[in-house]
Amino acid sequence: MSLRTKTATVSALALFCLATLASAQAPAKKTEAAKPALKLKVGDLAPGFTLKTMTSDGLKDVSLHDYKGKKNVVLAFYVFAFTGG
């Protein structure tokens, strides 16, 4: 397995973990206006987002734009992952 493939795989796994952590965060305050749902289709560019990741130095912010033009990013969402059901 090449270094590029390993890097892409690790990046994809890290983003999956970030998405999982983001889904576990507390819901937004009721006083904030609700954002409209995004209408994304397969092949659309993902909107920018920032999530927390755990590193050896503690929590760190990671943004999708950090990888733009540098690495390929794969976003995967597992609806019932880690739900125990």
PDB file of N, CA and C in Angstrom:
ATOM      1  N   MET A   1       0.864  -1.175   0.000  1.00  0.00           N
ATOM      2  CA  MET A   1       0.000   0.000   0.000  1.00  0.00           C
ATOM      3  C   MET A   1       0.910   1.238   0.000  1.00  0.00           C
ATOM      4  N   SER A   2       0.673   2.164  -0.893  1.00  0.00           N
ATOM      5  CA  SER A   2       1.520   3.343  -1.011  1.00  0.00           C
ATOM      6  C   SER A   2       1.231   4.332   0.110  1.00  0.00           C
ATOM      7  N   LEU A   3       2.166   5.231   0.325  1.00  0.00           N
ATOM      8  CA  LEU A   3       2.004   6.255   1.351  1.00  0.00           C
ATOM      9  C   LEU A   3       0.801   7.137   1.054  1.00  0.00           C
ATOM     10  N   ARG A   4       0.574   7.443  -0.202  1.00  0.00           N
ATOM     11  CA  ARG A   4      -0.570   8.280  -0.587  1.00  0.00           C
ATOM     12  C   ARG A   4      -1.892   7.590  -0.252  1.00  0.00           C
ATOM     13  N   THR A   5      -1.967   6.284  -0.509  1.00  0.00           N
ATOM     14  CA  THR A   5      -3.170   5.517  -0.200  1.00  0.00           C
ATOM     15  C   THR A   5      -3.389   5.447   1.304  1.00  0.00           C
ATOM     16  N   LYS A   6      -2.310   5.225   2.047  1.00  0.00           N
ATOM     17  CA  LYS A   6      -2.424   5.182   3.510  1.00  0.00           C
ATOM     18  C   LYS A   6      -2.886   6.528   4.057  1.00  0.00           C
ATOM     19  N   THR A   7      -2.329   7.602   3.530  1.00  0.00           N
ATOM     20  CA  THR A   7      -2.702   8.944   3.982  1.00  0.00           C
ATOM     21  C   THR A   7      -4.167   9.225   3.689  1.00  0.00           C
ATOM     22  N   ALA A   8      -4.627   8.858   2.510  1.00  0.00           N
ATOM     23  CA  ALA A   8      -6.034   9.075   2.143  1.00  0.00           C
ATOM     24  C   ALA A   8      -6.952   8.247   3.035  1.00  0.00           C
ATOM     25  N   THR A   9      -6.542   7.013   3.334  1.00  0.00           N
ATOM     26  CA  THR A   9      -7.352   6.148   4.186  1.00  0.00           C
ATOM     27  C   THR A   9      -7.436   6.705   5.599  1.00  0.00           C
ATOM     28  N   VAL A  10      -6.314   7.145   6.145  1.00  0.00           N
ATOM     29  CA  VAL A  10      -6.291   7.718   7.493  1.00  0.00           C
ATOM     30  C   VAL A  10      -7.111   9.002   7.529  1.00  0.00           C
ATOM     31  N   SER A  11      -7.010   9.818   6.500  1.00  0.00           N
ATOM     32  CA  SER A  11      -7.787  11.059   6.443  1.00  0.00           C
ATOM     33  C   SER A  11      -9.280  10.767   6.415  1.00  0.00           C
ATOM     34  N   ALA A  12      -9.679   9.787   5.629  1.00  0.00           N
ATOM     35  CA  ALA A  12     -11.097   9.425   5.549  1.00  0.00           C
ATOM     36  C   ALA A  12     -11.594   8.903   6.891  1.00  0.00           C
ATOM     37  N   LEU A  13     -10.790   8.077   7.545  1.00  0.00           N
ATOM     38  CA  LEU A  13     -11.177   7.554   8.858  1.00  0.00           C
ATOM     39  C   LEU A  13     -11.272   8.673   9.880  1.00  0.00           C
ATOM     40  N   ALA A  14     -10.340   9.615   9.842  1.00  0.00           N
ATOM     41  CA  ALA A  14     -10.368  10.744  10.774  1.00  0.00           C
ATOM     42  C   ALA A  14     -11.614  11.587  10.566  1.00  0.00           C
ATOM     43  N   LEU A  15     -11.973  11.849   9.323  1.00  0.00           N
ATOM     44  CA  LEU A  15     -13.175  12.631   9.054  1.00  0.00           C
ATOM     45  C   LEU A  15     -14.437  11.886   9.476  1.00  0.00           C
ATOM     46  N   PHE A  16     -14.440  10.563   9.331  1.00  0.00           N
ATOM     47  CA  PHE A  16     -15.580   9.788   9.810  1.00  0.00           C
ATOM     48  C   PHE A  16     -15.713   9.941  11.322  1.00  0.00           C
ATOM     49  N   CYS A  17     -14.588   9.853  12.019  1.00  0.00           N
ATOM     50  CA  CYS A  17     -14.609  10.020  13.475  1.00  0.00           C
ATOM     51  C   CYS A  17     -15.080  11.423  13.847  1.00  0.00           C
ATOM     52  N   LEU A  18     -14.637  12.410  13.102  1.00  0.00           N
ATOM     53  CA  LEU A  18     -15.068  13.780  13.364  1.00  0.00           C
ATOM     54  C   LEU A  18     -16.568  13.929  13.164  1.00  0.00           C
ATOM     55  N   ALA A  19     -17.090  13.320  12.116  1.00  0.00           N
ATOM     56  CA  ALA A  19     -18.527  13.405  11.867  1.00  0.00           C
ATOM     57  C   ALA A  19     -19.310  12.718  12.976  1.00  0.00           C
ATOM     58  N   THR A  20     -18.767  11.617  13.487  1.00  0.00           N
ATOM     59  CA  THR A  20     -19.420  10.912  14.585  1.00  0.00           C
ATOM     60  C   THR A  20     -19.431  11.762  15.841  1.00  0.00           C
ATOM     61  N   LEU A  21     -18.303  12.410  16.131  1.00  0.00           N
ATOM     62  CA  LEU A  21     -18.243  13.284  17.301  1.00  0.00           C
ATOM     63  C   LEU A  21     -19.204  14.461  17.164  1.00  0.00           C
ATOM     64  N   ALA A  22     -19.308  15.003  15.980  1.00  0.00           N
ATOM     65  CA  ALA A  22     -20.184  16.152  15.760  1.00  0.00           C
ATOM     66  C   ALA A  22     -21.643  15.770  15.974  1.00  0.00           C
ATOM     67  N   SER A  23     -22.007  14.565  15.591  1.00  0.00           N
ATOM     68  CA  SER A  23     -23.396  14.151  15.757  1.00  0.00           C
ATOM     69  C   SER A  23     -23.742  13.919  17.221  1.00  0.00           C
ATOM     70  N   ALA A  24     -22.727  13.716  18.063  1.00  0.00           N
ATOM     71  CA  ALA A  24     -22.970  13.469  19.487  1.00  0.00           C
ATOM     72  C   ALA A  24     -22.992  14.757  20.307  1.00  0.00           C
ATOM     73  N   GLN A  25     -22.699  15.889  19.693  1.00  0.00           N
ATOM     74  CA  GLN A  25     -22.681  17.156  20.424  1.00  0.00           C
ATOM     75  C   GLN A  25     -24.086  17.557  20.808  1.00  0.00           C
ATOM     76  N   ALA A  26     -24.160  18.422  21.820  1.00  0.00           N
ATOM     77  CA  ALA A  26     -25.457  18.896  22.315  1.00  0.00           C
ATOM     78  C   ALA A  26     -26.205  19.651  21.212  1.00  0.00           C
ATOM     79  N   PRO A  27     -27.533  19.569  21.201  1.00  0.00           N
ATOM     80  CA  PRO A  27     -28.310  20.293  20.190  1.00  0.00           C
ATOM     81  C   PRO A  27     -28.174  21.809  20.355  1.00  0.00           C
ATOM     82  N   ALA A  28     -28.418  22.525  19.278  1.00  0.00           N
ATOM     83  CA  ALA A  28     -28.305  23.987  19.296  1.00  0.00           C
ATOM     84  C   ALA A  28     -29.361  24.589  20.224  1.00  0.00           C
ATOM     85  N   LYS A  29     -29.083  25.781  20.711  1.00  0.00           N
ATOM     86  CA  LYS A  29     -30.027  26.471  21.581  1.00  0.00           C
ATOM     87  C   LYS A  29     -31.305  26.786  20.812  1.00  0.00           C
ATOM     88  N   LYS A  30     -32.428  26.796  21.521  1.00  0.00           N
ATOM     89  CA  LYS A  30     -33.713  27.054  20.882  1.00  0.00           C
ATOM     90  C   LYS A  30     -33.825  28.488  20.384  1.00  0.00           C
ATOM     91  N   THR A  31     -33.048  29.412  20.961  1.00  0.00           N
ATOM     92  CA  THR A  31     -33.154  30.807  20.559  1.00  0.00           C
ATOM     93  C   THR A  31     -32.497  31.063  19.204  1.00  0.00           C
ATOM     94  N   GLU A  32     -31.622  30.175  18.772  1.00  0.00           N
ATOM     95  CA  GLU A  32     -30.974  30.353  17.474  1.00  0.00           C
ATOM     96  C   GLU A  32     -31.949  29.974  16.363  1.00  0.00           C
ATOM     97  N   ALA A  33     -31.867  30.687  15.268  1.00  0.00           N
ATOM     98  CA  ALA A  33     -32.723  30.369  14.119  1.00  0.00           C
ATOM     99  C   ALA A  33     -32.272  29.041  13.521  1.00  0.00           C
ATOM    100  N   ALA A  34     -33.221  28.202  13.179  1.00  0.00           N
ATOM    101  CA  ALA A  34     -32.896  26.915  12.576  1.00  0.00           C
ATOM    102  C   ALA A  34     -32.379  27.132  11.157  1.00  0.00           C
ATOM    103  N   LYS A  35     -31.297  26.437  10.834  1.00  0.00           N
ATOM    104  CA  LYS A  35     -30.741  26.535   9.489  1.00  0.00           C
ATOM    105  C   LYS A  35     -31.519  25.608   8.564  1.00  0.00           C
ATOM    106  N   PRO A  36     -31.764  26.035   7.333  1.00  0.00           N
ATOM    107  CA  PRO A  36     -32.484  25.158   6.402  1.00  0.00           C
ATOM    108  C   PRO A  36     -31.627  23.936   6.052  1.00  0.00           C
ATOM    109  N   ALA A  37     -32.275  22.821   5.805  1.00  0.00           N
ATOM    110  CA  ALA A  37     -31.569  21.593   5.439  1.00  0.00           C
ATOM    111  C   ALA A  37     -30.878  21.775   4.090  1.00  0.00           C
ATOM    112  N   LEU A  38     -29.679  21.226   3.982  1.00  0.00           N
ATOM    113  CA  LEU A  38     -28.945  21.296   2.721  1.00  0.00           C
ATOM    114  C   LEU A  38     -29.497  20.263   1.751  1.00  0.00           C
ATOM    115  N   LYS A  39     -29.551  20.612   0.513  1.00  0.00           N
ATOM    116  CA  LYS A  39     -30.027  19.710  -0.534  1.00  0.00           C
ATOM    117  C   LYS A  39     -28.825  19.257  -1.356  1.00  0.00           C
ATOM    118  N   LEU A  40     -28.072  18.302  -0.829  1.00  0.00           N
ATOM    119  CA  LEU A  40     -26.888  17.804  -1.517  1.00  0.00           C
ATOM    120  C   LEU A  40     -27.216  16.565  -2.328  1.00  0.00           C
ATOM    121  N   LYS A  41     -26.520  16.432  -3.447  1.00  0.00           N
ATOM    122  CA  LYS A  41     -26.651  15.260  -4.300  1.00  0.00           C
ATOM    123  C   LYS A  41     -25.279  14.615  -4.417  1.00  0.00           C
ATOM    124  N   VAL A  42     -25.247  13.374  -4.815  1.00  0.00           N
ATOM    125  CA  VAL A  42     -23.985  12.679  -5.024  1.00  0.00           C
ATOM    126  C   VAL A  42     -23.144  13.480  -6.007  1.00  0.00           C
ATOM    127  N   GLY A  43     -21.907  13.719  -5.662  1.00  0.00           N
ATOM    128  CA  GLY A  43     -20.995  14.465  -6.528  1.00  0.00           C
ATOM    129  C   GLY A  43     -20.912  15.943  -6.204  1.00  0.00           C
ATOM    130  N   ASP A  44     -21.823  16.473  -5.373  1.00  0.00           N
ATOM    131  CA  ASP A  44     -21.757  17.877  -4.971  1.00  0.00           C
ATOM    132  C   ASP A  44     -20.561  18.107  -4.055  1.00  0.00           C
ATOM    133  N   LEU A  45     -20.034  19.317  -4.087  1.00  0.00           N
ATOM    134  CA  LEU A  45     -18.977  19.679  -3.149  1.00  0.00           C
ATOM    135  C   LEU A  45     -19.570  19.796  -1.757  1.00  0.00           C
ATOM    136  N   ALA A  46     -18.853  19.282  -0.775  1.00  0.00           N
ATOM    137  CA  ALA A  46     -19.327  19.362   0.603  1.00  0.00           C
ATOM    138  C   ALA A  46     -19.185  20.796   1.106  1.00  0.00           C
ATOM    139  N   PRO A  47     -20.146  21.259   1.884  1.00  0.00           N
ATOM    140  CA  PRO A  47     -20.022  22.599   2.474  1.00  0.00           C
ATOM    141  C   PRO A  47     -18.918  22.588   3.527  1.00  0.00           C
ATOM    142  N   GLY A  48     -18.339  23.742   3.773  1.00  0.00           N
ATOM    143  CA  GLY A  48     -17.284  23.832   4.772  1.00  0.00           C
ATOM    144  C   GLY A  48     -17.809  23.546   6.164  1.00  0.00           C
ATOM    145  N   PHE A  49     -16.993  22.872   6.974  1.00  0.00           N
ATOM    146  CA  PHE A  49     -17.357  22.621   8.362  1.00  0.00           C
ATOM    147  C   PHE A  49     -16.096  22.437   9.183  1.00  0.00           C
ATOM    148  N   THR A  50     -16.220  22.635  10.480  1.00  0.00           N
ATOM    149  CA  THR A  50     -15.118  22.450  11.426  1.00  0.00           C
ATOM    150  C   THR A  50     -15.618  21.555  12.545  1.00  0.00           C
ATOM    151  N   LEU A  51     -14.812  20.544  12.878  1.00  0.00           N
ATOM    152  CA  LEU A  51     -15.145  19.602  13.932  1.00  0.00           C
ATOM    153  C   LEU A  51     -13.945  19.416  14.848  1.00  0.00           C
ATOM    154  N   LYS A  52     -14.165  18.776  15.968  1.00  0.00           N
ATOM    155  CA  LYS A  52     -13.094  18.481  16.918  1.00  0.00           C
ATOM    156  C   LYS A  52     -12.538  17.092  16.645  1.00  0.00           C
ATOM    157  N   THR A  53     -11.229  16.929  16.838  1.00  0.00           N
ATOM    158  CA  THR A  53     -10.593  15.619  16.746  1.00  0.00           C
ATOM    159  C   THR A  53      -9.685  15.452  17.954  1.00  0.00           C
ATOM    160  N   MET A  54      -9.502  14.221  18.384  1.00  0.00           N
ATOM    161  CA  MET A  54      -8.636  13.942  19.524  1.00  0.00           C
ATOM    162  C   MET A  54      -7.250  13.604  19.007  1.00  0.00           C
ATOM    163  N   THR A  55      -6.256  14.337  19.485  1.00  0.00           N
ATOM    164  CA  THR A  55      -4.865  14.074  19.143  1.00  0.00           C
ATOM    165  C   THR A  55      -4.115  13.771  20.430  1.00  0.00           C
ATOM    166  N   SER A  56      -2.842  13.462  20.309  1.00  0.00           N
ATOM    167  CA  SER A  56      -2.036  13.204  21.512  1.00  0.00           C
ATOM    168  C   SER A  56      -1.902  14.463  22.371  1.00  0.00           C
ATOM    169  N   ASP A  57      -2.154  15.630  21.778  1.00  0.00           N
ATOM    170  CA  ASP A  57      -2.090  16.898  22.510  1.00  0.00           C
ATOM    171  C   ASP A  57      -3.452  17.350  23.022  1.00  0.00           C
ATOM    172  N   GLY A  58      -4.488  16.543  22.866  1.00  0.00           N
ATOM    173  CA  GLY A  58      -5.835  16.910  23.302  1.00  0.00           C
ATOM    174  C   GLY A  58      -6.731  17.200  22.109  1.00  0.00           C
ATOM    175  N   LEU A  59      -7.834  17.897  22.343  1.00  0.00           N
ATOM    176  CA  LEU A  59      -8.777  18.228  21.282  1.00  0.00           C
ATOM    177  C   LEU A  59      -8.214  19.297  20.357  1.00  0.00           C
ATOM    178  N   LYS A  60      -8.474  19.138  19.082  1.00  0.00           N
ATOM    179  CA  LYS A  60      -7.990  20.074  18.065  1.00  0.00           C
ATOM    180  C   LYS A  60      -9.096  20.290  17.043  1.00  0.00           C
ATOM    181  N   ASP A  61      -9.259  21.520  16.567  1.00  0.00           N
ATOM    182  CA  ASP A  61     -10.222  21.811  15.503  1.00  0.00           C
ATOM    183  C   ASP A  61      -9.643  21.386  14.156  1.00  0.00           C
ATOM    184  N   VAL A  62     -10.468  20.728  13.359  1.00  0.00           N
ATOM    185  CA  VAL A  62     -10.082  20.341  12.000  1.00  0.00           C
ATOM    186  C   VAL A  62     -11.188  20.803  11.074  1.00  0.00           C
ATOM    187  N   SER A  63     -10.816  21.486  10.002  1.00  0.00           N
ATOM    188  CA  SER A  63     -11.784  22.009   9.042  1.00  0.00           C
ATOM    189  C   SER A  63     -11.605  21.337   7.692  1.00  0.00           C
ATOM    190  N   LEU A  64     -12.699  21.209   6.973  1.00  0.00           N
ATOM    191  CA  LEU A  64     -12.636  20.617   5.644  1.00  0.00           C
ATOM    192  C   LEU A  64     -11.721  21.437   4.740  1.00  0.00           C
ATOM    193  N   HIS A  65     -11.755  22.763   4.878  1.00  0.00           N
ATOM    194  CA  HIS A  65     -10.932  23.607   3.998  1.00  0.00           C
ATOM    195  C   HIS A  65      -9.436  23.418   4.244  1.00  0.00           C
ATOM    196  N   ASP A  66      -9.046  22.796   5.360  1.00  0.00           N
ATOM    197  CA  ASP A  66      -7.631  22.505   5.618  1.00  0.00           C
ATOM    198  C   ASP A  66      -7.061  21.537   4.580  1.00  0.00           C
ATOM    199  N   TYR A  67      -7.934  20.746   3.967  1.00  0.00           N
ATOM    200  CA  TYR A  67      -7.495  19.717   3.024  1.00  0.00           C
ATOM    201  C   TYR A  67      -7.692  20.107   1.570  1.00  0.00           C
ATOM    202  N   LYS A  68      -8.346  21.235   1.308  1.00  0.00           N
ATOM    203  CA  LYS A  68      -8.652  21.626  -0.066  1.00  0.00           C
ATOM    204  C   LYS A  68      -7.366  21.800  -0.875  1.00  0.00           C
ATOM    205  N   GLY A  69      -7.290  21.099  -1.979  1.00  0.00           N
ATOM    206  CA  GLY A  69      -6.139  21.170  -2.867  1.00  0.00           C
ATOM    207  C   GLY A  69      -4.936  20.389  -2.376  1.00  0.00           C
ATOM    208  N   LYS A  70      -5.025  19.771  -1.197  1.00  0.00           N
ATOM    209  CA  LYS A  70      -3.897  19.040  -0.637  1.00  0.00           C
ATOM    210  C   LYS A  70      -4.129  17.532  -0.626  1.00  0.00           C
ATOM    211  N   LYS A  71      -5.338  17.129  -0.280  1.00  0.00           N
ATOM    212  CA  LYS A  71      -5.650  15.712  -0.144  1.00  0.00           C
ATOM    213  C   LYS A  71      -7.070  15.445  -0.619  1.00  0.00           C
ATOM    214  N   ASN A  72      -7.318  14.213  -0.981  1.00  0.00           N
ATOM    215  CA  ASN A  72      -8.681  13.794  -1.281  1.00  0.00           C
ATOM    216  C   ASN A  72      -9.369  13.479   0.035  1.00  0.00           C
ATOM    217  N   VAL A  73     -10.616  13.863   0.151  1.00  0.00           N
ATOM    218  CA  VAL A  73     -11.387  13.624   1.368  1.00  0.00           C
ATOM    219  C   VAL A  73     -12.640  12.850   0.998  1.00  0.00           C
ATOM    220  N   VAL A  74     -12.911  11.802   1.746  1.00  0.00           N
ATOM    221  CA  VAL A  74     -14.119  11.009   1.557  1.00  0.00           C
ATOM    222  C   VAL A  74     -14.970  11.168   2.807  1.00  0.00           C
ATOM    223  N   LEU A  75     -16.203  11.594   2.628  1.00  0.00           N
ATOM    224  CA  LEU A  75     -17.128  11.730   3.742  1.00  0.00           C
ATOM    225  C   LEU A  75     -18.070  10.538   3.720  1.00  0.00           C
ATOM    226  N   ALA A  76     -18.162   9.850   4.842  1.00  0.00           N
ATOM    227  CA  ALA A  76     -19.056   8.698   4.951  1.00  0.00           C
ATOM    228  C   ALA A  76     -19.883   8.862   6.215  1.00  0.00           C
ATOM    229  N   PHE A  77     -21.163   8.640   6.097  1.00  0.00           N
ATOM    230  CA  PHE A  77     -22.061   8.760   7.237  1.00  0.00           C
ATOM    231  C   PHE A  77     -22.793   7.439   7.422  1.00  0.00           C
ATOM    232  N   TYR A  78     -22.730   6.908   8.616  1.00  0.00           N
ATOM    233  CA  TYR A  78     -23.413   5.676   8.963  1.00  0.00           C
ATOM    234  C   TYR A  78     -24.531   6.039   9.933  1.00  0.00           C
ATOM    235  N   VAL A  79     -25.744   6.000   9.439  1.00  0.00           N
ATOM    236  CA  VAL A  79     -26.899   6.512  10.186  1.00  0.00           C
ATOM    237  C   VAL A  79     -27.038   5.861  11.549  1.00  0.00           C
ATOM    238  N   PHE A  80     -26.905   4.539  11.652  1.00  0.00           N
ATOM    239  CA  PHE A  80     -27.123   3.855  12.921  1.00  0.00           C
ATOM    240  C   PHE A  80     -25.828   3.385  13.574  1.00  0.00           C
ATOM    241  N   ALA A  81     -24.683   3.921  13.166  1.00  0.00           N
ATOM    242  CA  ALA A  81     -23.418   3.505  13.758  1.00  0.00           C
ATOM    243  C   ALA A  81     -23.376   3.905  15.229  1.00  0.00           C
ATOM    244  N   PHE A  82     -22.882   3.020  16.048  1.00  0.00           N
ATOM    245  CA  PHE A  82     -22.667   3.255  17.474  1.00  0.00           C
ATOM    246  C   PHE A  82     -23.957   3.544  18.244  1.00  0.00           C
ATOM    247  N   THR A  83     -25.100   3.063  17.764  1.00  0.00           N
ATOM    248  CA  THR A  83     -26.353   3.313  18.469  1.00  0.00           C
ATOM    249  C   THR A  83     -26.755   2.127  19.342  1.00  0.00           C
ATOM    250  N   GLY A  84     -26.120   0.990  19.158  1.00  0.00           N
ATOM    251  CA  GLY A  84     -26.438  -0.170  19.968  1.00  0.00           C
ATOM    252  C   GLY A  84     -27.746  -0.858  19.586  1.00  0.00           C
ATOM    253  N   GLY A  85     -28.330  -0.440  18.474  1.00  0.00           N
ATOM    254  CA  GLY A  85     -29.615  -1.047  18.117  1.00  0.00           C
ATOM    255  C   GLY A  85     -29.675  -1.651  16.781  1.00  0.00           C
TER     256      GLY A  85
END
